[in-house]
Amino acid sequence: MSLERILGIDPGLNTTGYGAIEITDRGPRLLEAGVVRSSPRNSLAERVREIHDGVAEVIASLKPAAMALEELYSHYDRPTTAILMGHARGVICLAAAEAGVPVLPYAATQIKKILTGNGRAPKLQMQQAVAREFGLPAPPEPSDVADALAIALCHVYLRDNVLRNQD
């Protein structure tokens, strides 16, 4: 059986978390996780280039079959945050498109509900859920890494559910 790799991405302008998992007969297996950082001292253009280049390097190294990406969300009190996040998300999608990797978006509330049963789960609960899923001795740090792994897991669980319902 060929193993399928999924890359989960938690986009951020300062810190973009990534988590690569492999779908095996025994369930998802953690391959690698980490962060791509941009320097806050650089211009916006330089920062999005740093994110693009870092994510492109991760894609080239891990060769995922698909990328699961958190959807953009906005809070009416902080529209600037959503705009900046959109820049990061855009170059992440570009890196995936350049590598021919399909991008599958998931809402933050959907990811949280799939992993914890609570669409408004706090960061610590998400970190603990990811640690439990992979049998890790401690929750992944920083939380961006746990979020990226949660996004990848959400894709796998929803994909598996769709496949089961097609049978």
N, C-alpha and C. Protein backbone atom coordinates (compact mmCIF):
# COMPACT_ATOMS: atom_id res chain seq x y z
N MET A 1 0.84 -1.19 0.00
CA MET A 1 0.00 0.00 0.00
C MET A 1 0.88 1.24 0.00
N SER A 2 0.56 2.22 -0.85
CA SER A 2 1.33 3.45 -0.82
C SER A 2 0.75 4.34 0.28
N LEU A 3 1.65 4.98 0.99
CA LEU A 3 1.24 5.82 2.11
C LEU A 3 1.00 7.24 1.62
N GLU A 4 -0.06 7.84 2.12
CA GLU A 4 -0.41 9.20 1.73
C GLU A 4 0.08 10.16 2.81
N ARG A 5 0.73 11.23 2.37
CA ARG A 5 1.21 12.26 3.30
C ARG A 5 0.32 13.49 3.19
N ILE A 6 -0.01 14.02 4.36
CA ILE A 6 -0.83 15.23 4.46
C ILE A 6 -0.02 16.27 5.22
N LEU A 7 0.01 17.47 4.70
CA LEU A 7 0.70 18.58 5.36
C LEU A 7 -0.36 19.53 5.89
N GLY A 8 -0.39 19.71 7.21
CA GLY A 8 -1.28 20.67 7.83
C GLY A 8 -0.53 21.98 8.04
N ILE A 9 -1.19 23.09 7.77
CA ILE A 9 -0.56 24.41 7.92
C ILE A 9 -1.46 25.32 8.74
N ASP A 10 -0.86 25.93 9.77
CA ASP A 10 -1.53 26.96 10.56
C ASP A 10 -0.86 28.29 10.18
N PRO A 11 -1.49 29.06 9.28
CA PRO A 11 -0.82 30.25 8.74
C PRO A 11 -0.71 31.38 9.74
N GLY A 12 0.42 32.05 9.70
CA GLY A 12 0.64 33.23 10.53
C GLY A 12 1.72 34.08 9.90
N LEU A 13 1.66 35.37 10.13
CA LEU A 13 2.66 36.26 9.56
C LEU A 13 3.98 36.17 10.32
N ASN A 14 3.93 35.98 11.64
CA ASN A 14 5.15 35.82 12.43
C ASN A 14 5.60 34.36 12.45
N THR A 15 4.66 33.48 12.78
CA THR A 15 4.96 32.06 12.92
C THR A 15 3.90 31.25 12.19
N THR A 16 4.34 30.46 11.23
CA THR A 16 3.47 29.54 10.51
C THR A 16 3.82 28.14 10.98
N GLY A 17 2.85 27.46 11.59
CA GLY A 17 3.09 26.09 12.04
C GLY A 17 2.83 25.11 10.91
N TYR A 18 3.61 24.02 10.90
CA TYR A 18 3.34 22.96 9.93
C TYR A 18 3.45 21.61 10.62
N GLY A 19 2.69 20.66 10.11
CA GLY A 19 2.73 19.31 10.63
C GLY A 19 2.45 18.33 9.51
N ALA A 20 3.36 17.40 9.32
CA ALA A 20 3.20 16.40 8.27
C ALA A 20 2.87 15.06 8.91
N ILE A 21 1.82 14.44 8.39
CA ILE A 21 1.43 13.12 8.88
C ILE A 21 1.31 12.16 7.70
N GLU A 22 1.41 10.90 8.01
CA GLU A 22 1.29 9.86 7.01
C GLU A 22 0.10 8.99 7.40
N ILE A 23 -0.72 8.66 6.42
CA ILE A 23 -1.88 7.81 6.68
C ILE A 23 -1.42 6.36 6.50
N THR A 24 -1.51 5.58 7.57
CA THR A 24 -1.10 4.18 7.54
C THR A 24 -2.30 3.29 7.85
N ASP A 25 -2.10 1.98 7.74
CA ASP A 25 -3.16 1.03 8.09
C ASP A 25 -3.56 1.15 9.56
N ARG A 26 -2.65 1.61 10.38
CA ARG A 26 -2.91 1.77 11.83
C ARG A 26 -3.39 3.16 12.20
N GLY A 27 -3.56 4.00 11.21
CA GLY A 27 -4.01 5.36 11.47
C GLY A 27 -2.93 6.37 11.16
N PRO A 28 -3.19 7.65 11.46
CA PRO A 28 -2.22 8.70 11.15
C PRO A 28 -0.94 8.56 11.99
N ARG A 29 0.20 8.81 11.33
CA ARG A 29 1.50 8.75 12.00
C ARG A 29 2.20 10.08 11.77
N LEU A 30 2.72 10.65 12.85
CA LEU A 30 3.43 11.93 12.79
C LEU A 30 4.79 11.73 12.11
N LEU A 31 5.04 12.53 11.08
CA LEU A 31 6.33 12.48 10.38
C LEU A 31 7.26 13.59 10.84
N GLU A 32 6.74 14.82 10.79
CA GLU A 32 7.57 15.97 11.13
C GLU A 32 6.66 17.15 11.44
N ALA A 33 7.12 18.00 12.32
CA ALA A 33 6.36 19.21 12.64
C ALA A 33 7.35 20.31 13.02
N GLY A 34 6.94 21.54 12.76
CA GLY A 34 7.81 22.66 13.11
C GLY A 34 7.17 23.97 12.74
N VAL A 35 7.98 24.99 12.63
CA VAL A 35 7.49 26.33 12.29
C VAL A 35 8.35 26.97 11.21
N VAL A 36 7.72 27.84 10.46
CA VAL A 36 8.40 28.73 9.53
C VAL A 36 8.19 30.12 10.11
N ARG A 37 9.27 30.83 10.32
CA ARG A 37 9.18 32.16 10.94
C ARG A 37 9.58 33.24 9.93
N SER A 38 8.99 34.42 10.12
CA SER A 38 9.43 35.60 9.39
C SER A 38 9.94 36.61 10.42
N SER A 39 10.80 37.46 9.97
CA SER A 39 11.40 38.44 10.88
C SER A 39 10.52 39.68 10.96
N PRO A 40 10.02 40.01 12.16
CA PRO A 40 9.15 41.19 12.30
C PRO A 40 9.85 42.51 11.94
N ARG A 41 11.17 42.49 11.88
CA ARG A 41 11.91 43.71 11.52
C ARG A 41 11.90 43.96 10.02
N ASN A 42 11.57 42.94 9.23
CA ASN A 42 11.56 43.08 7.77
C ASN A 42 10.27 43.71 7.28
N SER A 43 10.30 44.16 6.04
CA SER A 43 9.09 44.72 5.42
C SER A 43 8.08 43.59 5.20
N LEU A 44 6.84 43.96 4.95
CA LEU A 44 5.78 42.97 4.70
C LEU A 44 6.16 42.10 3.50
N ALA A 45 6.68 42.72 2.46
CA ALA A 45 7.07 41.96 1.26
C ALA A 45 8.15 40.93 1.59
N GLU A 46 9.13 41.32 2.38
CA GLU A 46 10.19 40.37 2.75
C GLU A 46 9.65 39.26 3.64
N ARG A 47 8.73 39.61 4.52
CA ARG A 47 8.17 38.62 5.44
C ARG A 47 7.36 37.56 4.69
N VAL A 48 6.54 37.98 3.74
CA VAL A 48 5.75 36.98 3.01
C VAL A 48 6.64 36.13 2.11
N ARG A 49 7.75 36.71 1.63
CA ARG A 49 8.71 35.91 0.87
C ARG A 49 9.34 34.85 1.77
N GLU A 50 9.68 35.22 3.01
CA GLU A 50 10.26 34.26 3.96
C GLU A 50 9.28 33.11 4.22
N ILE A 51 8.00 33.45 4.38
CA ILE A 51 6.99 32.41 4.61
C ILE A 51 6.86 31.52 3.37
N HIS A 52 6.76 32.13 2.21
CA HIS A 52 6.65 31.37 0.96
C HIS A 52 7.83 30.42 0.81
N ASP A 53 9.03 30.95 0.96
CA ASP A 53 10.23 30.14 0.76
C ASP A 53 10.31 29.01 1.78
N GLY A 54 9.95 29.29 3.02
CA GLY A 54 9.99 28.26 4.06
C GLY A 54 8.98 27.16 3.81
N VAL A 55 7.77 27.54 3.43
CA VAL A 55 6.73 26.53 3.16
C VAL A 55 7.08 25.75 1.89
N ALA A 56 7.61 26.43 0.88
CA ALA A 56 8.02 25.74 -0.35
C ALA A 56 9.10 24.71 -0.04
N GLU A 57 10.01 25.04 0.85
CA GLU A 57 11.07 24.10 1.25
C GLU A 57 10.48 22.89 1.97
N VAL A 58 9.51 23.12 2.85
CA VAL A 58 8.85 22.02 3.57
C VAL A 58 8.13 21.11 2.56
N ILE A 59 7.43 21.70 1.62
CA ILE A 59 6.71 20.92 0.61
C ILE A 59 7.70 20.08 -0.21
N ALA A 60 8.79 20.71 -0.64
CA ALA A 60 9.78 20.00 -1.46
C ALA A 60 10.40 18.84 -0.68
N SER A 61 10.61 19.04 0.60
CA SER A 61 11.23 18.01 1.44
C SER A 61 10.29 16.86 1.76
N LEU A 62 9.04 17.17 2.08
CA LEU A 62 8.10 16.16 2.56
C LEU A 62 7.21 15.56 1.48
N LYS A 63 7.08 16.25 0.35
CA LYS A 63 6.28 15.76 -0.79
C LYS A 63 4.87 15.28 -0.38
N PRO A 64 4.07 16.18 0.19
CA PRO A 64 2.71 15.77 0.59
C PRO A 64 1.79 15.57 -0.61
N ALA A 65 0.79 14.72 -0.43
CA ALA A 65 -0.24 14.52 -1.45
C ALA A 65 -1.26 15.65 -1.42
N ALA A 66 -1.42 16.27 -0.24
CA ALA A 66 -2.39 17.36 -0.08
C ALA A 66 -1.95 18.25 1.08
N MET A 67 -2.43 19.49 1.04
CA MET A 67 -2.20 20.43 2.13
C MET A 67 -3.54 20.81 2.73
N ALA A 68 -3.66 20.62 4.04
CA ALA A 68 -4.85 21.06 4.77
C ALA A 68 -4.49 22.40 5.42
N LEU A 69 -5.30 23.41 5.19
CA LEU A 69 -4.98 24.77 5.58
C LEU A 69 -6.14 25.40 6.33
N GLU A 70 -5.82 26.06 7.44
CA GLU A 70 -6.88 26.74 8.18
C GLU A 70 -7.43 27.89 7.36
N GLU A 71 -8.76 27.99 7.31
CA GLU A 71 -9.41 29.08 6.59
C GLU A 71 -9.15 30.41 7.29
N LEU A 72 -9.24 31.45 6.53
CA LEU A 72 -9.10 32.79 7.06
C LEU A 72 -10.36 33.15 7.84
N TYR A 73 -10.18 33.72 8.99
CA TYR A 73 -11.34 34.18 9.74
C TYR A 73 -11.04 35.61 10.19
N SER A 74 -12.08 36.32 10.51
CA SER A 74 -11.91 37.72 10.88
C SER A 74 -12.78 38.04 12.07
N HIS A 75 -12.24 38.84 12.94
CA HIS A 75 -13.01 39.35 14.07
C HIS A 75 -13.21 40.84 13.82
N TYR A 76 -14.43 41.31 14.01
CA TYR A 76 -14.73 42.69 13.66
C TYR A 76 -13.90 43.71 14.44
N ASP A 77 -13.37 43.32 15.60
CA ASP A 77 -12.52 44.23 16.37
C ASP A 77 -11.10 44.31 15.82
N ARG A 78 -10.69 43.31 14.99
CA ARG A 78 -9.31 43.26 14.51
C ARG A 78 -9.24 42.96 13.00
N PRO A 79 -9.77 43.84 12.17
CA PRO A 79 -9.73 43.56 10.73
C PRO A 79 -8.31 43.53 10.16
N THR A 80 -7.39 44.31 10.74
CA THR A 80 -6.01 44.33 10.25
C THR A 80 -5.37 42.96 10.38
N THR A 81 -5.67 42.24 11.45
CA THR A 81 -5.12 40.90 11.65
C THR A 81 -5.53 39.99 10.51
N ALA A 82 -6.78 40.05 10.11
CA ALA A 82 -7.27 39.21 9.00
C ALA A 82 -6.58 39.58 7.70
N ILE A 83 -6.35 40.86 7.48
CA ILE A 83 -5.69 41.29 6.24
C ILE A 83 -4.25 40.77 6.21
N LEU A 84 -3.53 40.90 7.32
CA LEU A 84 -2.16 40.41 7.38
C LEU A 84 -2.12 38.89 7.23
N MET A 85 -3.05 38.21 7.86
CA MET A 85 -3.13 36.75 7.76
C MET A 85 -3.40 36.35 6.31
N GLY A 86 -4.20 37.13 5.60
CA GLY A 86 -4.48 36.86 4.21
C GLY A 86 -3.23 36.89 3.35
N HIS A 87 -2.30 37.79 3.66
CA HIS A 87 -1.02 37.83 2.95
C HIS A 87 -0.26 36.52 3.14
N ALA A 88 -0.18 36.07 4.39
CA ALA A 88 0.54 34.83 4.69
C ALA A 88 -0.15 33.65 4.01
N ARG A 89 -1.45 33.58 4.13
CA ARG A 89 -2.21 32.47 3.55
C ARG A 89 -2.06 32.44 2.03
N GLY A 90 -2.01 33.61 1.42
CA GLY A 90 -1.87 33.69 -0.03
C GLY A 90 -0.56 33.10 -0.52
N VAL A 91 0.54 33.42 0.15
CA VAL A 91 1.83 32.88 -0.32
C VAL A 91 1.97 31.41 0.03
N ILE A 92 1.26 30.95 1.05
CA ILE A 92 1.25 29.52 1.36
C ILE A 92 0.52 28.77 0.25
N CYS A 93 -0.62 29.30 -0.17
CA CYS A 93 -1.37 28.70 -1.30
C CYS A 93 -0.53 28.73 -2.57
N LEU A 94 0.21 29.80 -2.79
CA LEU A 94 1.08 29.90 -3.96
C LEU A 94 2.15 28.81 -3.94
N ALA A 95 2.78 28.61 -2.79
CA ALA A 95 3.81 27.57 -2.67
C ALA A 95 3.22 26.19 -2.99
N ALA A 96 2.01 25.93 -2.51
CA ALA A 96 1.36 24.65 -2.79
C ALA A 96 1.05 24.52 -4.29
N ALA A 97 0.52 25.58 -4.88
CA ALA A 97 0.16 25.55 -6.30
C ALA A 97 1.41 25.35 -7.17
N GLU A 98 2.50 26.00 -6.81
CA GLU A 98 3.74 25.85 -7.57
C GLU A 98 4.23 24.40 -7.54
N ALA A 99 3.96 23.69 -6.44
CA ALA A 99 4.39 22.30 -6.30
C ALA A 99 3.32 21.31 -6.77
N GLY A 100 2.17 21.82 -7.21
CA GLY A 100 1.10 20.94 -7.67
C GLY A 100 0.40 20.20 -6.54
N VAL A 101 0.41 20.78 -5.35
CA VAL A 101 -0.22 20.16 -4.18
C VAL A 101 -1.59 20.79 -3.96
N PRO A 102 -2.66 19.98 -3.97
CA PRO A 102 -3.99 20.56 -3.73
C PRO A 102 -4.13 21.09 -2.31
N VAL A 103 -4.85 22.20 -2.18
CA VAL A 103 -5.07 22.84 -0.87
C VAL A 103 -6.52 22.64 -0.48
N LEU A 104 -6.72 22.13 0.74
CA LEU A 104 -8.06 21.88 1.26
C LEU A 104 -8.27 22.74 2.51
N PRO A 105 -9.21 23.69 2.47
CA PRO A 105 -9.42 24.59 3.60
C PRO A 105 -10.37 24.02 4.66
N TYR A 106 -10.06 24.34 5.92
CA TYR A 106 -10.91 23.93 7.04
C TYR A 106 -11.07 25.10 8.00
N ALA A 107 -12.29 25.28 8.49
CA ALA A 107 -12.58 26.34 9.46
C ALA A 107 -12.02 25.95 10.83
N ALA A 108 -11.54 26.94 11.56
CA ALA A 108 -10.97 26.70 12.90
C ALA A 108 -11.99 26.00 13.80
N THR A 109 -13.23 26.41 13.75
CA THR A 109 -14.24 25.79 14.62
C THR A 109 -14.48 24.33 14.24
N GLN A 110 -14.40 24.04 12.95
CA GLN A 110 -14.57 22.65 12.48
C GLN A 110 -13.41 21.78 12.98
N ILE A 111 -12.21 22.28 12.88
CA ILE A 111 -11.01 21.55 13.33
C ILE A 111 -11.13 21.26 14.83
N LYS A 112 -11.48 22.26 15.60
CA LYS A 112 -11.60 22.10 17.06
C LYS A 112 -12.69 21.09 17.41
N LYS A 113 -13.81 21.17 16.71
CA LYS A 113 -14.92 20.25 16.99
C LYS A 113 -14.54 18.80 16.66
N ILE A 114 -13.86 18.60 15.54
CA ILE A 114 -13.44 17.24 15.15
C ILE A 114 -12.50 16.64 16.19
N LEU A 115 -11.56 17.45 16.69
CA LEU A 115 -10.54 16.91 17.61
C LEU A 115 -10.97 16.85 19.06
N THR A 116 -11.80 17.81 19.49
CA THR A 116 -12.13 17.87 20.92
C THR A 116 -13.62 17.73 21.20
N GLY A 117 -14.46 17.86 20.17
CA GLY A 117 -15.89 17.85 20.39
C GLY A 117 -16.43 19.23 20.73
N ASN A 118 -15.52 20.23 20.81
CA ASN A 118 -15.89 21.58 21.18
C ASN A 118 -15.33 22.55 20.14
N GLY A 119 -16.18 23.20 19.39
CA GLY A 119 -15.76 24.14 18.35
C GLY A 119 -15.09 25.39 18.87
N ARG A 120 -15.12 25.58 20.19
CA ARG A 120 -14.48 26.75 20.79
C ARG A 120 -13.38 26.34 21.77
N ALA A 121 -12.80 25.18 21.56
CA ALA A 121 -11.77 24.66 22.46
C ALA A 121 -10.59 25.62 22.56
N PRO A 122 -10.06 25.82 23.77
CA PRO A 122 -8.88 26.69 23.93
C PRO A 122 -7.61 26.00 23.42
N LYS A 123 -6.56 26.80 23.24
CA LYS A 123 -5.28 26.30 22.71
C LYS A 123 -4.77 25.09 23.48
N LEU A 124 -4.79 25.15 24.81
CA LEU A 124 -4.24 24.05 25.61
C LEU A 124 -5.00 22.75 25.36
N GLN A 125 -6.31 22.83 25.25
CA GLN A 125 -7.11 21.63 24.99
C GLN A 125 -6.76 21.04 23.63
N MET A 126 -6.51 21.89 22.64
CA MET A 126 -6.11 21.42 21.32
C MET A 126 -4.74 20.74 21.38
N GLN A 127 -3.81 21.37 22.09
CA GLN A 127 -2.47 20.79 22.23
C GLN A 127 -2.55 19.41 22.90
N GLN A 128 -3.38 19.31 23.93
CA GLN A 128 -3.53 18.03 24.64
C GLN A 128 -4.18 16.98 23.74
N ALA A 129 -5.14 17.38 22.94
CA ALA A 129 -5.81 16.44 22.03
C ALA A 129 -4.82 15.90 20.99
N VAL A 130 -3.98 16.77 20.45
CA VAL A 130 -2.98 16.35 19.47
C VAL A 130 -1.96 15.41 20.12
N ALA A 131 -1.52 15.75 21.33
CA ALA A 131 -0.58 14.88 22.04
C ALA A 131 -1.19 13.50 22.26
N ARG A 132 -2.45 13.45 22.62
CA ARG A 132 -3.14 12.18 22.85
C ARG A 132 -3.26 11.38 21.55
N GLU A 133 -3.62 12.04 20.46
CA GLU A 133 -3.79 11.37 19.17
C GLU A 133 -2.50 10.68 18.71
N PHE A 134 -1.36 11.33 18.96
CA PHE A 134 -0.08 10.78 18.50
C PHE A 134 0.70 10.07 19.59
N GLY A 135 0.14 9.99 20.80
CA GLY A 135 0.83 9.33 21.90
C GLY A 135 2.11 10.06 22.31
N LEU A 136 2.08 11.39 22.24
CA LEU A 136 3.26 12.18 22.60
C LEU A 136 3.35 12.35 24.11
N PRO A 137 4.55 12.41 24.65
CA PRO A 137 4.70 12.57 26.11
C PRO A 137 4.28 13.95 26.61
N ALA A 138 4.29 14.95 25.72
CA ALA A 138 3.91 16.32 26.10
C ALA A 138 3.23 16.98 24.91
N PRO A 139 2.40 17.97 25.16
CA PRO A 139 1.76 18.69 24.06
C PRO A 139 2.79 19.39 23.17
N PRO A 140 2.55 19.43 21.86
CA PRO A 140 3.49 20.11 20.95
C PRO A 140 3.57 21.61 21.26
N GLU A 141 4.75 22.14 21.15
CA GLU A 141 5.00 23.57 21.34
C GLU A 141 5.75 24.08 20.12
N PRO A 142 5.52 25.31 19.73
CA PRO A 142 4.47 26.21 20.18
C PRO A 142 3.10 25.72 19.71
N SER A 143 2.08 26.42 20.14
CA SER A 143 0.71 26.00 19.80
C SER A 143 0.46 25.99 18.30
N ASP A 144 1.23 26.76 17.54
CA ASP A 144 1.08 26.78 16.08
C ASP A 144 1.35 25.38 15.49
N VAL A 145 2.28 24.65 16.09
CA VAL A 145 2.60 23.30 15.63
C VAL A 145 1.43 22.36 15.94
N ALA A 146 0.89 22.45 17.14
CA ALA A 146 -0.26 21.62 17.51
C ALA A 146 -1.45 21.93 16.59
N ASP A 147 -1.66 23.20 16.30
CA ASP A 147 -2.76 23.59 15.41
C ASP A 147 -2.57 23.01 14.01
N ALA A 148 -1.35 23.05 13.50
CA ALA A 148 -1.08 22.50 12.17
C ALA A 148 -1.34 21.00 12.14
N LEU A 149 -0.92 20.29 13.18
CA LEU A 149 -1.17 18.85 13.26
C LEU A 149 -2.66 18.57 13.38
N ALA A 150 -3.37 19.42 14.13
CA ALA A 150 -4.82 19.27 14.26
C ALA A 150 -5.51 19.46 12.91
N ILE A 151 -5.03 20.39 12.11
CA ILE A 151 -5.61 20.64 10.78
C ILE A 151 -5.41 19.41 9.90
N ALA A 152 -4.20 18.84 9.94
CA ALA A 152 -3.92 17.63 9.15
C ALA A 152 -4.81 16.48 9.61
N LEU A 153 -4.95 16.30 10.92
CA LEU A 153 -5.81 15.23 11.45
C LEU A 153 -7.26 15.44 11.04
N CYS A 154 -7.72 16.67 11.09
CA CYS A 154 -9.09 16.98 10.68
C CYS A 154 -9.31 16.52 9.25
N HIS A 155 -8.36 16.80 8.38
CA HIS A 155 -8.47 16.36 6.99
C HIS A 155 -8.59 14.84 6.89
N VAL A 156 -7.73 14.16 7.62
CA VAL A 156 -7.74 12.69 7.57
C VAL A 156 -9.07 12.14 8.08
N TYR A 157 -9.55 12.65 9.21
CA TYR A 157 -10.79 12.13 9.79
C TYR A 157 -12.00 12.43 8.90
N LEU A 158 -12.05 13.61 8.32
CA LEU A 158 -13.16 13.94 7.44
C LEU A 158 -13.07 13.15 6.14
N ARG A 159 -11.86 12.98 5.62
CA ARG A 159 -11.63 12.19 4.40
C ARG A 159 -12.06 10.75 4.63
N ASP A 160 -11.64 10.18 5.75
CA ASP A 160 -12.00 8.81 6.06
C ASP A 160 -13.52 8.65 6.20
N ASN A 161 -14.16 9.65 6.79
CA ASN A 161 -15.61 9.60 6.97
C ASN A 161 -16.31 9.65 5.61
N VAL A 162 -15.82 10.50 4.70
CA VAL A 162 -16.39 10.60 3.36
C VAL A 162 -16.21 9.27 2.62
N LEU A 163 -15.02 8.68 2.72
CA LEU A 163 -14.76 7.41 2.05
C LEU A 163 -15.66 6.30 2.59
N ARG A 164 -15.85 6.26 3.91
CA ARG A 164 -16.73 5.25 4.51
C ARG A 164 -18.16 5.40 4.03
N ASN A 165 -18.60 6.66 3.90
CA ASN A 165 -19.99 6.92 3.46
C ASN A 165 -20.20 6.62 1.98
N GLN A 166 -19.12 6.53 1.20
CA GLN A 166 -19.23 6.21 -0.22
C GLN A 166 -19.34 4.71 -0.44
N ASP A 167 -18.92 3.91 0.53
CA ASP A 167 -18.97 2.45 0.39
C ASP A 167 -20.38 1.90 0.47
